[in-house]
Every structure is written in structure tokens, then in C-alpha cells.
C-alpha atoms as a PDB file:
ATOM      1  CA  UNK A   1      75.959  85.318  81.068  1.00  0.00           C
ATOM      2  CA  UNK A   2      76.886  87.670  83.863  1.00  0.00           C
ATOM      3  CA  UNK A   3      79.224  90.677  84.001  1.00  0.00           C
ATOM      4  CA  UNK A   4      80.399  92.283  87.209  1.00  0.00           C
ATOM      5  CA  UNK A   5      81.602  95.846  87.109  1.00  0.00           C
ATOM      6  CA  UNK A   6      83.229  97.433  90.139  1.00  0.00           C
ATOM      7  CA  UNK A   7      83.638 101.170  90.526  1.00  0.00           C
ATOM      8  CA  UNK A   8      85.736 102.769  93.243  1.00  0.00           C
ATOM      9  CA  UNK A   9      85.578 106.201  94.843  1.00  0.00           C
ATOM     10  CA  UNK A  10      86.526 107.709  98.164  1.00  0.00           C
ATOM     11  CA  UNK A  11      84.338 106.514 101.056  1.00  0.00           C
ATOM     12  CA  UNK A  12      85.794 108.793 103.731  1.00  0.00           C
ATOM     13  CA  UNK A  13      83.930 111.639 102.085  1.00  0.00           C
ATOM     14  CA  UNK A  14      80.703 111.642 100.119  1.00  0.00           C
ATOM     15  CA  UNK A  15      80.439 109.701  96.869  1.00  0.00           C
ATOM     16  CA  UNK A  16      82.018 111.395  93.883  1.00  0.00           C
ATOM     17  CA  UNK A  17      79.845 113.002  91.227  1.00  0.00           C
ATOM     18  CA  UNK A  18      81.003 110.358  88.771  1.00  0.00           C
ATOM     19  CA  UNK A  19      79.960 107.484  91.034  1.00  0.00           C
ATOM     20  CA  UNK A  20      76.578 108.915  91.871  1.00  0.00           C
ATOM     21  CA  UNK A  21      75.910 109.607  88.180  1.00  0.00           C
ATOM     22  CA  UNK A  22      76.772 106.065  87.140  1.00  0.00           C
ATOM     23  CA  UNK A  23      74.853 104.213  89.803  1.00  0.00           C
ATOM     24  CA  UNK A  24      71.787 102.910  87.967  1.00  0.00           C
ATOM     25  CA  UNK A  25      71.563  99.775  85.819  1.00  0.00           C
ATOM     26  CA  UNK A  26      70.675 101.462  82.525  1.00  0.00           C
ATOM     27  CA  UNK A  27      73.399 104.083  82.839  1.00  0.00           C
ATOM     28  CA  UNK A  28      76.031 101.513  83.769  1.00  0.00           C
ATOM     29  CA  UNK A  29      75.050  99.307  80.843  1.00  0.00           C
ATOM     30  CA  UNK A  30      75.344 102.311  78.527  1.00  0.00           C
ATOM     31  CA  UNK A  31      78.747 103.233  79.961  1.00  0.00           C
ATOM     32  CA  UNK A  32      80.129  99.726  79.534  1.00  0.00           C
ATOM     33  CA  UNK A  33      78.897  99.581  75.940  1.00  0.00           C
ATOM     34  CA  UNK A  34      80.538 102.959  75.273  1.00  0.00           C
ATOM     35  CA  UNK A  35      83.873 101.825  76.659  1.00  0.00           C
ATOM     36  CA  UNK A  36      83.796  98.592  74.679  1.00  0.00           C
ATOM     37  CA  UNK A  37      82.214  99.936  71.497  1.00  0.00           C
ATOM     38  CA  UNK A  38      79.504  97.277  71.584  1.00  0.00           C
ATOM     39  CA  UNK A  39      75.741  97.055  71.962  1.00  0.00           C
ATOM     40  CA  UNK A  40      73.910  95.002  74.556  1.00  0.00           C
ATOM     41  CA  UNK A  41      70.157  94.408  74.618  1.00  0.00           C
ATOM     42  CA  UNK A  42      68.292  96.573  77.089  1.00  0.00           C
ATOM     43  CA  UNK A  43      66.571  93.514  78.514  1.00  0.00           C
ATOM     44  CA  UNK A  44      69.846  92.067  79.818  1.00  0.00           C
ATOM     45  CA  UNK A  45      69.405  92.332  83.589  1.00  0.00           C
ATOM     46  CA  UNK A  46      71.760  94.520  85.581  1.00  0.00           C
ATOM     47  CA  UNK A  47      72.008  94.013  89.331  1.00  0.00           C
ATOM     48  CA  UNK A  48      74.054  96.345  91.505  1.00  0.00           C
ATOM     49  CA  UNK A  49      76.141  95.021  94.389  1.00  0.00           C
ATOM     50  CA  UNK A  50      78.386  96.654  96.946  1.00  0.00           C
ATOM     51  CA  UNK A  51      81.580  95.066  98.252  1.00  0.00           C
ATOM     52  CA  UNK A  52      82.603  96.298 101.694  1.00  0.00           C
ATOM     53  CA  UNK A  53      86.166  96.629 103.007  1.00  0.00           C
ATOM     54  CA  UNK A  54      87.974  94.956 100.138  1.00  0.00           C
ATOM     55  CA  UNK A  55      91.496  94.206 101.380  1.00  0.00           C
ATOM     56  CA  UNK A  56      93.479  97.376 102.164  1.00  0.00           C
ATOM     57  CA  UNK A  57      91.266  99.489  99.949  1.00  0.00           C
ATOM     58  CA  UNK A  58      88.591 100.156 102.551  1.00  0.00           C
ATOM     59  CA  UNK A  59      88.946 103.890 101.871  1.00  0.00           C
ATOM     60  CA  UNK A  60      86.931 103.294  98.729  1.00  0.00           C
ATOM     61  CA  UNK A  61      83.222 103.018  98.199  1.00  0.00           C
ATOM     62  CA  UNK A  62      82.879 100.016  95.907  1.00  0.00           C
ATOM     63  CA  UNK A  63      79.891  99.813  93.599  1.00  0.00           C
ATOM     64  CA  UNK A  64      79.569  96.637  91.569  1.00  0.00           C
ATOM     65  CA  UNK A  65      76.963  95.567  89.067  1.00  0.00           C
ATOM     66  CA  UNK A  66      76.381  92.344  87.196  1.00  0.00           C
ATOM     67  CA  UNK A  67      75.509  91.937  83.523  1.00  0.00           C
ATOM     68  CA  UNK A  68      77.241  88.811  82.276  1.00  0.00           C
ATOM     69  CA  UNK A  69      80.401  86.772  82.664  1.00  0.00           C
ATOM     70  CA  UNK A  70      82.933  89.613  82.863  1.00  0.00           C
ATOM     71  CA  UNK A  71      84.406  91.490  85.763  1.00  0.00           C
ATOM     72  CA  UNK A  72      85.238  95.095  84.930  1.00  0.00           C
ATOM     73  CA  UNK A  73      86.914  97.564  87.318  1.00  0.00           C
ATOM     74  CA  UNK A  74      86.130 101.217  86.688  1.00  0.00           C
ATOM     75  CA  UNK A  75      87.936 103.921  88.634  1.00  0.00           C
ATOM     76  CA  UNK A  76      87.433 107.630  88.348  1.00  0.00           C
ATOM     77  CA  UNK A  77      90.898 109.052  88.840  1.00  0.00           C
ATOM     78  CA  UNK A  78      90.560 112.785  89.307  1.00  0.00           C
ATOM     79  CA  UNK A  79      93.973 114.241  88.727  1.00  0.00           C
ATOM     80  CA  UNK A  80      96.902 111.848  88.849  1.00  0.00           C
ATOM     81  CA  UNK A  81      97.785 108.600  87.172  1.00  0.00           C
ATOM     82  CA  UNK A  82      99.170 105.930  89.474  1.00  0.00           C
ATOM     83  CA  UNK A  83     101.691 103.594  87.774  1.00  0.00           C
ATOM     84  CA  UNK A  84     100.983 101.018  90.495  1.00  0.00           C
ATOM     85  CA  UNK A  85      97.337 100.773  89.478  1.00  0.00           C
ATOM     86  CA  UNK A  86      97.763  97.321  87.925  1.00  0.00           C
ATOM     87  CA  UNK A  87      99.175  95.951  91.184  1.00  0.00           C
ATOM     88  CA  UNK A  88      96.436  97.577  93.242  1.00  0.00           C
ATOM     89  CA  UNK A  89      93.794  96.039  91.005  1.00  0.00           C
ATOM     90  CA  UNK A  90      95.551  92.690  91.085  1.00  0.00           C
ATOM     91  CA  UNK A  91      95.162  92.638  94.875  1.00  0.00           C
ATOM     92  CA  UNK A  92      91.624  93.942  94.556  1.00  0.00           C
ATOM     93  CA  UNK A  93      90.465  91.364  92.025  1.00  0.00           C
ATOM     94  CA  UNK A  94      91.983  88.563  94.091  1.00  0.00           C
ATOM     95  CA  UNK A  95      89.826  89.623  97.037  1.00  0.00           C
ATOM     96  CA  UNK A  96      86.740  89.998  94.865  1.00  0.00           C
ATOM     97  CA  UNK A  97      87.161  86.514  93.379  1.00  0.00           C
ATOM     98  CA  UNK A  98      87.806  85.068  96.826  1.00  0.00           C
ATOM     99  CA  UNK A  99      84.460  86.425  97.980  1.00  0.00           C
ATOM    100  CA  UNK A 100      82.796  85.128  94.837  1.00  0.00           C
ATOM    101  CA  UNK A 101      83.837  81.495  95.353  1.00  0.00           C
ATOM    102  CA  UNK A 102      83.101  81.590  99.071  1.00  0.00           C
ATOM    103  CA  UNK A 103      81.716  78.260 100.225  1.00  0.00           C
ATOM    104  CA  UNK A 104      83.199  76.305  97.310  1.00  0.00           C
ATOM    105  CA  UNK A 105      86.399  74.321  97.535  1.00  0.00           C
ATOM    106  CA  UNK A 106      89.437  74.998  95.381  1.00  0.00           C
ATOM    107  CA  UNK A 107      90.400  71.335  95.732  1.00  0.00           C
ATOM    108  CA  UNK A 108      87.428  70.042  93.783  1.00  0.00           C
ATOM    109  CA  UNK A 109      88.101  67.714  90.873  1.00  0.00           C
ATOM    110  CA  UNK A 110      85.961  70.029  88.728  1.00  0.00           C
ATOM    111  CA  UNK A 111      87.297  73.415  87.541  1.00  0.00           C
ATOM    112  CA  UNK A 112      85.753  76.440  89.224  1.00  0.00           C
ATOM    113  CA  UNK A 113      84.188  78.938  86.824  1.00  0.00           C
ATOM    114  CA  UNK A 114      85.236  82.547  87.499  1.00  0.00           C
ATOM    115  CA  UNK A 115      84.235  85.756  85.655  1.00  0.00           C
ATOM    116  CA  UNK A 116      86.349  87.235  82.885  1.00  0.00           C
ATOM    117  CA  UNK A 117      88.051  90.403  84.213  1.00  0.00           C
ATOM    118  CA  UNK A 118      88.491  93.764  82.522  1.00  0.00           C
ATOM    119  CA  UNK A 119      90.024  96.904  84.035  1.00  0.00           C
ATOM    120  CA  UNK A 120      89.488 100.557  83.104  1.00  0.00           C
ATOM    121  CA  UNK A 121      90.706 103.872  84.468  1.00  0.00           C
ATOM    122  CA  UNK A 122      88.856 106.987  83.318  1.00  0.00           C
ATOM    123  CA  UNK A 123      91.241 109.914  83.618  1.00  0.00           C
ATOM    124  CA  UNK A 124      90.182 113.564  83.751  1.00  0.00           C
ATOM    125  CA  UNK A 125      93.145 115.229  85.478  1.00  0.00           C
ATOM    126  CA  UNK A 126      95.162 118.277  84.464  1.00  0.00           C
ATOM    127  CA  UNK A 127      98.413 116.585  83.422  1.00  0.00           C
ATOM    128  CA  UNK A 128      99.188 115.847  79.786  1.00  0.00           C
ATOM    129  CA  UNK A 129      98.254 112.252  79.041  1.00  0.00           C
ATOM    130  CA  UNK A 130      97.575 110.281  75.833  1.00  0.00           C
ATOM    131  CA  UNK A 131      94.070 109.270  74.778  1.00  0.00           C
ATOM    132  CA  UNK A 132      94.755 105.655  75.705  1.00  0.00           C
ATOM    133  CA  UNK A 133      97.420 103.871  77.669  1.00  0.00           C
ATOM    134  CA  UNK A 134      97.885 100.380  79.068  1.00  0.00           C
ATOM    135  CA  UNK A 135      99.492  99.746  82.439  1.00  0.00           C
ATOM    136  CA  UNK A 136     100.686  96.179  82.964  1.00  0.00           C
ATOM    137  CA  UNK A 137     101.392  94.309  86.142  1.00  0.00           C
ATOM    138  CA  UNK A 138     104.494  92.833  84.489  1.00  0.00           C
ATOM    139  CA  UNK A 139     105.968  96.344  84.138  1.00  0.00           C
ATOM    140  CA  UNK A 140     106.528  96.242  87.904  1.00  0.00           C
ATOM    141  CA  UNK A 141     108.257  92.857  88.031  1.00  0.00           C
ATOM    142  CA  UNK A 142     111.936  92.755  88.981  1.00  0.00           C
ATOM    143  CA  UNK A 143     113.249  90.357  86.360  1.00  0.00           C
ATOM    144  CA  UNK A 144     116.384  88.339  87.187  1.00  0.00           C
ATOM    145  CA  UNK A 145     119.198  88.605  84.637  1.00  0.00           C
ATOM    146  CA  UNK A 146     119.114  84.882  83.896  1.00  0.00           C
ATOM    147  CA  UNK A 147     115.464  85.208  82.738  1.00  0.00           C
ATOM    148  CA  UNK A 148     116.060  87.785  79.992  1.00  0.00           C
ATOM    149  CA  UNK A 149     114.188  85.848  77.302  1.00  0.00           C
ATOM    150  CA  UNK A 150     111.315  84.621  79.469  1.00  0.00           C
ATOM    151  CA  UNK A 151     107.861  86.185  79.376  1.00  0.00           C
ATOM    152  CA  UNK A 152     105.897  86.810  82.581  1.00  0.00           C
ATOM    153  CA  UNK A 153     103.557  84.024  83.589  1.00  0.00           C
ATOM    154  CA  UNK A 154     101.289  86.424  85.466  1.00  0.00           C
ATOM    155  CA  UNK A 155      99.715  89.487  83.877  1.00  0.00           C
ATOM    156  CA  UNK A 156      97.031  92.099  84.426  1.00  0.00           C
ATOM    157  CA  UNK A 157      96.349  95.006  82.081  1.00  0.00           C
ATOM    158  CA  UNK A 158      94.607  98.256  82.964  1.00  0.00           C
ATOM    159  CA  UNK A 159      93.278 100.398  80.139  1.00  0.00           C
ATOM    160  CA  UNK A 160      93.529 104.122  80.920  1.00  0.00           C
ATOM    161  CA  UNK A 161      91.209 106.357  78.892  1.00  0.00           C
ATOM    162  CA  UNK A 162      91.596 110.130  78.877  1.00  0.00           C
ATOM    163  CA  UNK A 163      88.113 111.659  79.050  1.00  0.00           C
ATOM    164  CA  UNK A 164      89.153 115.308  79.095  1.00  0.00           C
ATOM    165  CA  UNK A 165      87.624 117.679  76.537  1.00  0.00           C
ATOM    166  CA  UNK A 166      88.481 116.697  72.973  1.00  0.00           C
ATOM    167  CA  UNK A 167      89.887 113.284  73.923  1.00  0.00           C
ATOM    168  CA  UNK A 168      88.393 109.905  73.008  1.00  0.00           C
ATOM    169  CA  UNK A 169      85.350 111.540  71.429  1.00  0.00           C
ATOM    170  CA  UNK A 170      84.195 108.285  69.832  1.00  0.00           C
ATOM    171  CA  UNK A 171      83.933 106.693  73.286  1.00  0.00           C
ATOM    172  CA  UNK A 172      82.450 109.670  75.105  1.00  0.00           C
ATOM    173  CA  UNK A 173      79.787 110.314  72.460  1.00  0.00           C
ATOM    174  CA  UNK A 174      78.466 106.770  72.816  1.00  0.00           C
ATOM    175  CA  UNK A 175      77.276 107.567  76.333  1.00  0.00           C
ATOM    176  CA  UNK A 176      75.041 110.601  76.843  1.00  0.00           C
ATOM    177  CA  UNK A 177      75.681 110.631  80.567  1.00  0.00           C
ATOM    178  CA  UNK A 178      79.462 110.401  80.141  1.00  0.00           C
ATOM    179  CA  UNK A 179      79.404 113.145  77.499  1.00  0.00           C
ATOM    180  CA  UNK A 180      77.415 115.468  79.766  1.00  0.00           C
ATOM    181  CA  UNK A 181      79.666 114.695  82.715  1.00  0.00           C
ATOM    182  CA  UNK A 182      82.730 115.648  80.654  1.00  0.00           C
ATOM    183  CA  UNK A 183      81.118 118.957  79.640  1.00  0.00           C
ATOM    184  CA  UNK A 184      80.330 119.686  83.286  1.00  0.00           C
ATOM    185  CA  UNK A 185      83.900 119.035  84.444  1.00  0.00           C
ATOM    186  CA  UNK A 186      85.310 121.086  81.561  1.00  0.00           C
ATOM    187  CA  UNK A 187      83.115 124.035  82.488  1.00  0.00           C
ATOM    188  CA  UNK A 188      84.221 123.827  86.117  1.00  0.00           C
ATOM    189  CA  UNK A 189      87.863 124.086  85.009  1.00  0.00           C
ATOM    190  CA  UNK A 190      87.066 126.996  82.681  1.00  0.00           C
ATOM    191  CA  UNK A 191      85.125 129.024  85.255  1.00  0.00           C
ATOM    192  CA  UNK A 192      87.589 128.187  88.029  1.00  0.00           C
ATOM    193  CA  UNK A 193      90.413 129.608  85.908  1.00  0.00           C
ATOM    194  CA  UNK A 194      88.349 132.651  84.921  1.00  0.00           C
ATOM    195  CA  UNK A 195      87.039 133.490  88.403  1.00  0.00           C
ATOM    196  CA  UNK A 196      89.994 132.268  90.465  1.00  0.00           C
ATOM    197  CA  UNK A 197      87.645 130.564  92.911  1.00  0.00           C
ATOM    198  CA  UNK A 198      86.760 126.860  92.787  1.00  0.00           C
ATOM    199  CA  UNK A 199      83.438 127.154  94.616  1.00  0.00           C
ATOM    200  CA  UNK A 200      82.236 129.957  92.368  1.00  0.00           C
ATOM    201  CA  UNK A 201      83.475 128.038  89.347  1.00  0.00           C
ATOM    202  CA  UNK A 202      81.380 125.014  90.337  1.00  0.00           C
ATOM    203  CA  UNK A 203      78.296 127.173  90.892  1.00  0.00           C
ATOM    204  CA  UNK A 204      78.736 128.840  87.498  1.00  0.00           C
ATOM    205  CA  UNK A 205      79.219 125.457  85.804  1.00  0.00           C
ATOM    206  CA  UNK A 206      76.032 124.149  87.422  1.00  0.00           C
ATOM    207  CA  UNK A 207      74.079 127.157  86.104  1.00  0.00           C
ATOM    208  CA  UNK A 208      75.586 126.690  82.636  1.00  0.00           C
ATOM    209  CA  UNK A 209      74.579 123.027  82.503  1.00  0.00           C
ATOM    210  CA  UNK A 210      71.079 123.766  83.737  1.00  0.00           C
ATOM    211  CA  UNK A 211      70.707 126.412  81.030  1.00  0.00           C
ATOM    212  CA  UNK A 212      71.770 124.010  78.265  1.00  0.00           C
ATOM    213  CA  UNK A 213      69.902 120.926  79.512  1.00  0.00           C
ATOM    214  CA  UNK A 214      73.055 119.113  80.639  1.00  0.00           C
ATOM    215  CA  UNK A 215      72.642 116.753  83.607  1.00  0.00           C
ATOM    216  CA  UNK A 216      69.485 118.735  84.299  1.00  0.00           C
ATOM    217  CA  UNK A 217      67.626 116.293  86.527  1.00  0.00           C
ATOM    218  CA  UNK A 218      70.758 115.214  88.367  1.00  0.00           C
ATOM    219  CA  UNK A 219      71.843 118.784  89.159  1.00  0.00           C
ATOM    220  CA  UNK A 220      68.310 119.771  90.111  1.00  0.00           C
ATOM    221  CA  UNK A 221      68.131 116.922  92.608  1.00  0.00           C
ATOM    222  CA  UNK A 222      71.732 116.957  93.876  1.00  0.00           C
ATOM    223  CA  UNK A 223      72.894 120.549  93.342  1.00  0.00           C
ATOM    224  CA  UNK A 224      74.193 121.272  96.858  1.00  0.00           C
ATOM    225  CA  UNK A 225      75.630 117.761  97.206  1.00  0.00           C
ATOM    226  CA  UNK A 226      77.502 118.161  93.922  1.00  0.00           C
ATOM    227  CA  UNK A 227      79.107 121.355  95.197  1.00  0.00           C
ATOM    228  CA  UNK A 228      80.284 119.685  98.404  1.00  0.00           C
ATOM    229  CA  UNK A 229      81.463 116.516  96.676  1.00  0.00           C
ATOM    230  CA  UNK A 230      83.653 118.345  94.172  1.00  0.00           C
ATOM    231  CA  UNK A 231      85.033 120.799  96.731  1.00  0.00           C
ATOM    232  CA  UNK A 232      86.029 117.886  98.980  1.00  0.00           C
ATOM    233  CA  UNK A 233      87.550 115.778  96.217  1.00  0.00           C
ATOM    234  CA  UNK A 234      89.458 118.520  94.438  1.00  0.00           C
ATOM    235  CA  UNK A 235      90.698 120.345  97.524  1.00  0.00           C
ATOM    236  CA  UNK A 236      91.997 117.063  98.926  1.00  0.00           C
ATOM    237  CA  UNK A 237      93.768 116.163  95.678  1.00  0.00           C
ATOM    238  CA  UNK A 238      95.332 119.621  95.385  1.00  0.00           C
ATOM    239  CA  UNK A 239      96.547 119.450  98.981  1.00  0.00           C
ATOM    240  CA  UNK A 240      98.129 116.052  98.392  1.00  0.00           C
ATOM    241  CA  UNK A 241      99.784 117.087  95.118  1.00  0.00           C
ATOM    242  CA  UNK A 242     101.122 120.292  96.673  1.00  0.00           C
ATOM    243  CA  UNK A 243     102.447 118.432  99.711  1.00  0.00           C
ATOM    244  CA  UNK A 244     104.361 115.967  97.540  1.00  0.00           C
ATOM    245  CA  UNK A 245     105.874 118.683  95.363  1.00  0.00           C
ATOM    246  CA  UNK A 246     106.789 120.930  98.310  1.00  0.00           C
ATOM    247  CA  UNK A 247     108.405 118.065 100.198  1.00  0.00           C
ATOM    248  CA  UNK A 248     110.647 117.124  97.270  1.00  0.00           C
ATOM    249  CA  UNK A 249     111.654 120.684  96.414  1.00  0.00           C
ATOM    250  CA  UNK A 250     112.434 121.788  99.969  1.00  0.00           C
ATOM    251  CA  UNK A 251     114.534 118.726 100.717  1.00  0.00           C
ATOM    252  CA  UNK A 252     116.649 119.226  97.592  1.00  0.00           C
ATOM    253  CA  UNK A 253     117.012 122.968  98.159  1.00  0.00           C
ATOM    254  CA  UNK A 254     118.201 122.602 101.746  1.00  0.00           C
ATOM    255  CA  UNK A 255     120.812 120.045 100.728  1.00  0.00           C
ATOM    256  CA  UNK A 256     122.193 122.244  97.949  1.00  0.00           C
ATOM    257  CA  UNK A 257     122.380 125.419 100.069  1.00  0.00           C
ATOM    258  CA  UNK A 258     124.141 123.893 103.064  1.00  0.00           C
ATOM    259  CA  UNK A 259     126.487 121.913 100.855  1.00  0.00           C
ATOM    260  CA  UNK A 260     127.529 125.030  98.925  1.00  0.00           C
ATOM    261  CA  UNK A 261     128.085 126.982 102.134  1.00  0.00           C
ATOM    262  CA  UNK A 262     130.451 124.324 103.500  1.00  0.00           C
ATOM    263  CA  UNK A 263     132.270 123.999 100.192  1.00  0.00           C
ATOM    264  CA  UNK A 264     133.313 120.420 100.961  1.00  0.00           C
ATOM    265  CA  UNK A 265     132.076 116.930 100.181  1.00  0.00           C
ATOM    266  CA  UNK A 266     131.340 116.337 103.836  1.00  0.00           C
ATOM    267  CA  UNK A 267     129.519 119.651 103.861  1.00  0.00           C
ATOM    268  CA  UNK A 268     127.434 118.504 100.932  1.00  0.00           C
ATOM    269  CA  UNK A 269     126.570 115.260 102.718  1.00  0.00           C
ATOM    270  CA  UNK A 270     125.721 117.180 105.860  1.00  0.00           C
ATOM    271  CA  UNK A 271     123.579 119.510 103.781  1.00  0.00           C
ATOM    272  CA  UNK A 272     121.744 116.604 102.297  1.00  0.00           C
ATOM    273  CA  UNK A 273     121.121 115.185 105.742  1.00  0.00           C
ATOM    274  CA  UNK A 274     119.823 118.516 107.003  1.00  0.00           C
ATOM    275  CA  UNK A 275     117.690 118.743 103.903  1.00  0.00           C
ATOM    276  CA  UNK A 276     116.171 115.362 104.656  1.00  0.00           C
ATOM    277  CA  UNK A 277     115.510 116.365 108.257  1.00  0.00           C
ATOM    278  CA  UNK A 278     113.898 119.592 107.095  1.00  0.00           C
ATOM    279  CA  UNK A 279     111.758 117.679 104.629  1.00  0.00           C
ATOM    280  CA  UNK A 280     110.649 115.318 107.411  1.00  0.00           C
ATOM    281  CA  UNK A 281     109.726 118.236 109.690  1.00  0.00           C
ATOM    282  CA  UNK A 282     107.716 119.732 106.860  1.00  0.00           C
ATOM    283  CA  UNK A 283     106.085 116.354 106.345  1.00  0.00           C
ATOM    284  CA  UNK A 284     104.908 116.397 109.962  1.00  0.00           C
ATOM    285  CA  UNK A 285     103.372 119.808 109.381  1.00  0.00           C
ATOM    286  CA  UNK A 286     101.744 118.503 106.226  1.00  0.00           C
ATOM    287  CA  UNK A 287     100.179 115.680 108.243  1.00  0.00           C
ATOM    288  CA  UNK A 288      98.719 118.203 110.658  1.00  0.00           C
ATOM    289  CA  UNK A 289      97.412 120.433 107.861  1.00  0.00           C
ATOM    290  CA  UNK A 290      95.751 117.584 105.972  1.00  0.00           C
ATOM    291  CA  UNK A 291      94.158 116.267 109.172  1.00  0.00           C
ATOM    292  CA  UNK A 292      92.657 119.707 109.788  1.00  0.00           C
ATOM    293  CA  UNK A 293      91.094 119.490 106.310  1.00  0.00           C
ATOM    294  CA  UNK A 294      89.416 116.259 107.365  1.00  0.00           C
ATOM    295  CA  UNK A 295      91.550 114.076 105.108  1.00  0.00           C
ATOM    296  CA  UNK A 296      91.563 110.396 106.102  1.00  0.00           C
ATOM    297  CA  UNK A 297      94.688 108.758 107.546  1.00  0.00           C
ATOM    298  CA  UNK A 298      94.890 106.446 104.537  1.00  0.00           C
ATOM    299  CA  UNK A 299      94.970 109.370 102.094  1.00  0.00           C
ATOM    300  CA  UNK A 300      97.523 111.232 104.267  1.00  0.00           C
ATOM    301  CA  UNK A 301      99.685 108.112 104.154  1.00  0.00           C
ATOM    302  CA  UNK A 302      99.588 108.160 100.355  1.00  0.00           C
ATOM    303  CA  UNK A 303     100.433 111.852 100.267  1.00  0.00           C
ATOM    304  CA  UNK A 304     103.363 111.759 102.696  1.00  0.00           C
ATOM    305  CA  UNK A 305     104.762 108.216 102.273  1.00  0.00           C
ATOM    306  CA  UNK A 306     104.422 107.775 106.035  1.00  0.00           C
ATOM    307  CA  UNK A 307     102.853 104.578 107.300  1.00  0.00           C
ATOM    308  CA  UNK A 308      99.443 104.603 108.948  1.00  0.00           C
ATOM    309  CA  UNK A 309     101.094 103.681 112.271  1.00  0.00           C
ATOM    310  CA  UNK A 310     103.520 106.620 111.976  1.00  0.00           C
ATOM    311  CA  UNK A 311     100.689 109.015 111.284  1.00  0.00           C
ATOM    312  CA  UNK A 312      98.707 107.715 114.249  1.00  0.00           C
ATOM    313  CA  UNK A 313     101.755 108.287 116.498  1.00  0.00           C
ATOM    314  CA  UNK A 314     102.119 111.835 115.162  1.00  0.00           C
END
């Protein structure tokens, strides 16, 4: 038997803390068993692979490891849940399987054996989210009216697990490394809120964990790297979230103000148009600001809804 597990994090910056923590065979085996609620013998071999430039997702550092006949996608999602995750993983798994059967023909008279896929998202963001949720590819299908009673013939399910403090304890407690990671992230949030400074909050959380024998060896070896990784990841995510919120609010506000001043329907339409123009100008400024932070073009595209080509022109 052979499992393949693929984990994704941002390649444009350094690896995330989560990825670097879960990058050895024994730890990955433990994590998979925790997520599934099963036990696997320690002598089952685990081999780690890396897939480069998978489709459009080349902004991710892909770590894969093999245990048996399943393919599991694990994604650390820092702060926001993406409802399009099932579609993204559908495209991703298609590319992975294509690479796997490379050199073999699909027109053979014998069926080709492919791994069994599983998909997980481990969520530790700030928004309220249930312990468990399933995103389905079929949720995104545009179903014609004449097919009301038909079920989708293509499906992919992504299991989202909330790993914030107090959530999914039965899963988290099965993996020592995952449990310690969750404590570390919780302490960062606590000290950040208390001190009002992310960098100081991370430093304080590192000291706390070292004092209580939490991720001791990892933090001793990678202390300065951990600080830089989290600062990069979290500052980028906050910038993107703020840009999206600001863009929406300013566009709506401009449209309402100008429309009210004109007092006419055409004035309202004109106000909306001016609001959209203002929002676009702000979007250009957002592009410039994110680029100064060292954010990749791909991430800026996600944050602003501008295409990569548009951003390059800007």
C-alpha cells in the first residue's frame, strides 16, 4: 500500500512554521493518523516527495509524502476560508495524477491504478468557523433547470477542520506536534493582543513555549526563522484582508455620497460609477503598497481581483 500526502504553503516567502514542523516521516504519519482517528504501524515506510510548479499553483511549496494507496492534500490556511478550495484542489489533483501516470498510456486495455484521494484544510484563522465543514466541488456547479433531479457525476470533497484553541480537541490531542503547534499559535494571538505588537507577541510566545517544553527543539533550532516566517505570513494576510475590505467599503461609500448629493436616479448611477473609479484608483495604490511589502504578483492578484497581466502593466 502507498499513501501520498501533499501539503501546500507559500513558496514566494520562506516555508511556514506548520510546513517545516510537519516535514519528517514520523511526524507526518502521526498527523495523518490524528486526522483520520486511526493507527498505522511505525514500520510502514514514509517517503517524502516534492512536486514543483503544479499547474497555476506555483506560488506554493508542495511537500508530498507516501505511505500507502491514498492521496491526501493538507493545506494550512492561516486566516481565511476559500469557498473555491474544492475547485482548486480538483485542478491540483488532476495535475498530480497526470504526473503519476507519466509514461503509461490511458488507452491501454487494462485499467490504470491510481491512488485514493483525500483532502483536508486545517484552519486556524480569526473568523468564527465550525469545528468541521465539508466543501464540495458540486456546490460550485451551475445546474440547468431541466436537471433539477439529477445528481452531479463529478465530485470532490474537502474536509475543513478548525484547529483553533478548544476546537477539535480529540483530533489535536492525538498528535503531540499538532497540539504543541496550536498552543504556540494561541499564545502568539494572546500576546499580540496584550502587547499590541506582533513581533513582540511572537517573541513572548517563543519564550513561553521554551519555558513549558513546547516545541522546544524546534524553537531552539529555528527561533529566528520562526519569527521571520510568521511575520511574513501574517503581515501579508492582514494586508490582503484589509485591502479587500477597504476596496469594497470605499466604492460603496463614494456611490452613496455622490448619489445623495445629486438627488436623482442619474445622479445615483453617476455616483456609483465614480465610486467604482475611486475603488479602482485605490486598488492601484494597493498594488503598489503590497509590492513594497514584497508580496508576490500572484498573491496581489488574489487580493485585488486584478489579473497577473494587469498587475505587470501597472
